[in-house]
Structures are given as structure tokens and as C-alpha cells.
Amino acid sequence: MQSHTDSSVNQIIGLDGKPMTINDLPPKDTKRWVIRRKAEVVAAVRGGLITLDDACRRYKLSVEEYLSWQKAIDKHGLPGLRATRLQQYRPPGLQVGRD
């Protein structure tokens, strides 16, 4: 995959309808992933602002974790990114913490 420095996209339209650049992304050391930050990273990758590899490296995410965010947005919109609501959106066989 190409890195951001090779990308021709310098800005995209962010969640609020305003231009978003690489400088508007969450900090690299983000530990608390609120809905908005997850959605910004997904929007940046989808818009070509950064690549999936760049996002995973920048935020120390696995590809699976990023893809779960993307799938949650596609299936349930932004509410699907709520960590406390995750079990509600998972198929019955995938629920965590159930005996």
C-alpha cells in the first residue's frame, strides 16, 4: 500500500462537513477511542487521506480492529462504534463475556 507521503489527497470532507487534513486526525498516542475519533480514522482511510497500513501503524491498531470499526459504521452508523453497545450489534455467537 502507498504511504501518506505518496498520496495526492491532502484533505477530505470530515464528519462535520468541513475540510479535514492529516493534522486534524486524532493524536498518534490516542488511548481513549471515542466514537468521533474512530469515525475520523475510518473517514480518513476511506477518503484516501491515509492508507489502512498508515492508520494501523500510526494508532497501533490491528487490521481486524480497524475493519471492525468500518463494518460497525456500515452496518449501524456511528452508534455502532459505541464500546458499551458493542454486544448489541454483534451476532449472538460472537458476544463477549457470556457464559
C-alpha atoms as a PDB file:
ATOM      1  CA  MET A   1       0.000   0.000   0.000  1.00  0.00           C
ATOM      2  CA  GLN A   2       1.123   3.531  -0.564  1.00  0.00           C
ATOM      3  CA  SER A   3       2.096   5.731   2.345  1.00  0.00           C
ATOM      4  CA  HIS A   4       0.564   9.121   3.062  1.00  0.00           C
ATOM      5  CA  THR A   5       3.589  10.943   1.720  1.00  0.00           C
ATOM      6  CA  ASP A   6       2.911   9.405  -1.716  1.00  0.00           C
ATOM      7  CA  SER A   7      -0.783  10.265  -1.613  1.00  0.00           C
ATOM      8  CA  SER A   8      -2.201  13.024  -3.759  1.00  0.00           C
ATOM      9  CA  VAL A   9      -5.088  13.629  -1.333  1.00  0.00           C
ATOM     10  CA  ASN A  10      -4.277  16.460   1.075  1.00  0.00           C
ATOM     11  CA  GLN A  11      -7.726  16.924   2.555  1.00  0.00           C
ATOM     12  CA  ILE A  12     -11.129  15.295   2.662  1.00  0.00           C
ATOM     13  CA  ILE A  13     -14.524  16.386   3.938  1.00  0.00           C
ATOM     14  CA  GLY A  14     -14.725  15.466   7.609  1.00  0.00           C
ATOM     15  CA  LEU A  15     -17.640  14.311   9.731  1.00  0.00           C
ATOM     16  CA  ASP A  16     -18.779  17.877  10.322  1.00  0.00           C
ATOM     17  CA  GLY A  17     -18.769  18.727   6.608  1.00  0.00           C
ATOM     18  CA  LYS A  18     -15.595  20.810   6.905  1.00  0.00           C
ATOM     19  CA  PRO A  19     -12.237  20.049   5.263  1.00  0.00           C
ATOM     20  CA  MET A  20     -10.090  17.589   7.231  1.00  0.00           C
ATOM     21  CA  THR A  21      -6.340  17.215   6.810  1.00  0.00           C
ATOM     22  CA  ILE A  22      -3.803  14.857   8.330  1.00  0.00           C
ATOM     23  CA  ASN A  23      -3.321  17.449  11.108  1.00  0.00           C
ATOM     24  CA  ASP A  24      -6.985  17.086  12.110  1.00  0.00           C
ATOM     25  CA  LEU A  25      -6.683  13.361  12.820  1.00  0.00           C
ATOM     26  CA  PRO A  26      -6.604  12.096  16.406  1.00  0.00           C
ATOM     27  CA  PRO A  27      -3.177  12.246  18.086  1.00  0.00           C
ATOM     28  CA  LYS A  28      -0.871   9.283  17.451  1.00  0.00           C
ATOM     29  CA  ASP A  29      -0.837   8.442  21.158  1.00  0.00           C
ATOM     30  CA  THR A  30      -4.651   8.219  21.438  1.00  0.00           C
ATOM     31  CA  LYS A  31      -5.651   5.719  24.116  1.00  0.00           C
ATOM     32  CA  ARG A  32      -9.331   6.559  24.553  1.00  0.00           C
ATOM     33  CA  TRP A  33     -11.187   5.760  21.359  1.00  0.00           C
ATOM     34  CA  VAL A  34     -14.470   7.632  21.430  1.00  0.00           C
ATOM     35  CA  ILE A  35     -16.934   7.321  18.561  1.00  0.00           C
ATOM     36  CA  ARG A  36     -15.809  10.502  16.827  1.00  0.00           C
ATOM     37  CA  ARG A  37     -12.117   9.557  16.786  1.00  0.00           C
ATOM     38  CA  LYS A  38     -12.840   6.107  15.371  1.00  0.00           C
ATOM     39  CA  ALA A  39     -15.099   7.627  12.717  1.00  0.00           C
ATOM     40  CA  GLU A  40     -12.447  10.203  11.777  1.00  0.00           C
ATOM     41  CA  VAL A  41      -9.863   7.470  11.207  1.00  0.00           C
ATOM     42  CA  VAL A  42     -12.306   5.446   9.091  1.00  0.00           C
ATOM     43  CA  ALA A  43     -13.206   8.551   7.063  1.00  0.00           C
ATOM     44  CA  ALA A  44      -9.526   9.371   6.536  1.00  0.00           C
ATOM     45  CA  VAL A  45      -8.755   5.884   5.237  1.00  0.00           C
ATOM     46  CA  ARG A  46     -11.852   5.745   3.040  1.00  0.00           C
ATOM     47  CA  GLY A  47     -11.173   9.210   1.657  1.00  0.00           C
ATOM     48  CA  GLY A  48      -7.554   8.411   0.834  1.00  0.00           C
ATOM     49  CA  LEU A  49      -6.078  10.856   3.336  1.00  0.00           C
ATOM     50  CA  ILE A  50      -4.080   7.977   4.859  1.00  0.00           C
ATOM     51  CA  THR A  51      -3.813   4.315   3.937  1.00  0.00           C
ATOM     52  CA  LEU A  52      -5.040   1.435   6.055  1.00  0.00           C
ATOM     53  CA  ASP A  53      -1.418   0.490   6.752  1.00  0.00           C
ATOM     54  CA  ASP A  54      -0.650   4.058   7.828  1.00  0.00           C
ATOM     55  CA  ALA A  55      -3.668   4.150  10.152  1.00  0.00           C
ATOM     56  CA  CYS A  56      -2.777   0.820  11.761  1.00  0.00           C
ATOM     57  CA  ARG A  57       0.852   1.829  12.224  1.00  0.00           C
ATOM     58  CA  ARG A  58       0.024   5.360  13.422  1.00  0.00           C
ATOM     59  CA  TYR A  59      -2.523   4.194  16.026  1.00  0.00           C
ATOM     60  CA  LYS A  60      -1.096   0.750  16.823  1.00  0.00           C
ATOM     61  CA  LEU A  61      -4.283  -0.926  15.593  1.00  0.00           C
ATOM     62  CA  SER A  62      -4.655  -4.363  14.108  1.00  0.00           C
ATOM     63  CA  VAL A  63      -6.227  -4.537  10.669  1.00  0.00           C
ATOM     64  CA  GLU A  64      -9.040  -6.542  12.273  1.00  0.00           C
ATOM     65  CA  GLU A  65      -9.755  -3.781  14.796  1.00  0.00           C
ATOM     66  CA  TYR A  66      -9.885  -1.110  12.094  1.00  0.00           C
ATOM     67  CA  LEU A  67     -12.097  -3.302   9.911  1.00  0.00           C
ATOM     68  CA  SER A  68     -14.449  -3.872  12.849  1.00  0.00           C
ATOM     69  CA  TRP A  69     -14.890  -0.080  13.129  1.00  0.00           C
ATOM     70  CA  GLN A  70     -15.565   0.183   9.413  1.00  0.00           C
ATOM     71  CA  LYS A  71     -18.050  -2.695   9.492  1.00  0.00           C
ATOM     72  CA  ALA A  72     -19.815  -1.207  12.549  1.00  0.00           C
ATOM     73  CA  ILE A  73     -20.259   2.108  10.729  1.00  0.00           C
ATOM     74  CA  ASP A  74     -21.501   0.397   7.567  1.00  0.00           C
ATOM     75  CA  LYS A  75     -23.992  -1.747   9.425  1.00  0.00           C
ATOM     76  CA  HIS A  76     -25.168   0.512  12.282  1.00  0.00           C
ATOM     77  CA  GLY A  77     -23.867   4.031  11.606  1.00  0.00           C
ATOM     78  CA  LEU A  78     -21.942   5.934  14.259  1.00  0.00           C
ATOM     79  CA  PRO A  79     -23.889   4.339  17.156  1.00  0.00           C
ATOM     80  CA  GLY A  80     -22.326   1.031  16.129  1.00  0.00           C
ATOM     81  CA  LEU A  81     -18.970   2.353  17.350  1.00  0.00           C
ATOM     82  CA  ARG A  82     -20.107   2.649  20.952  1.00  0.00           C
ATOM     83  CA  ALA A  83     -17.994   0.291  23.030  1.00  0.00           C
ATOM     84  CA  THR A  84     -20.764  -0.123  25.605  1.00  0.00           C
ATOM     85  CA  ARG A  85     -23.203  -1.050  22.850  1.00  0.00           C
ATOM     86  CA  LEU A  86     -20.887  -3.484  21.058  1.00  0.00           C
ATOM     87  CA  GLN A  87     -22.645  -6.587  22.325  1.00  0.00           C
ATOM     88  CA  GLN A  88     -25.977  -5.348  20.994  1.00  0.00           C
ATOM     89  CA  TYR A  89     -24.544  -5.146  17.487  1.00  0.00           C
ATOM     90  CA  ARG A  90     -22.661  -8.437  17.430  1.00  0.00           C
ATOM     91  CA  PRO A  91     -24.228 -11.621  16.139  1.00  0.00           C
ATOM     92  CA  PRO A  92     -25.347 -13.871  19.062  1.00  0.00           C
ATOM     93  CA  GLY A  93     -22.427 -16.318  18.709  1.00  0.00           C
ATOM     94  CA  LEU A  94     -19.819 -13.548  18.992  1.00  0.00           C
ATOM     95  CA  GLN A  95     -20.874 -11.859  22.210  1.00  0.00           C
ATOM     96  CA  VAL A  96     -18.083 -11.380  24.714  1.00  0.00           C
ATOM     97  CA  GLY A  97     -18.294 -12.159  28.411  1.00  0.00           C
ATOM     98  CA  ARG A  98     -21.221 -14.546  28.226  1.00  0.00           C
ATOM     99  CA  ASP A  99     -21.096 -17.991  29.781  1.00  0.00           C
END
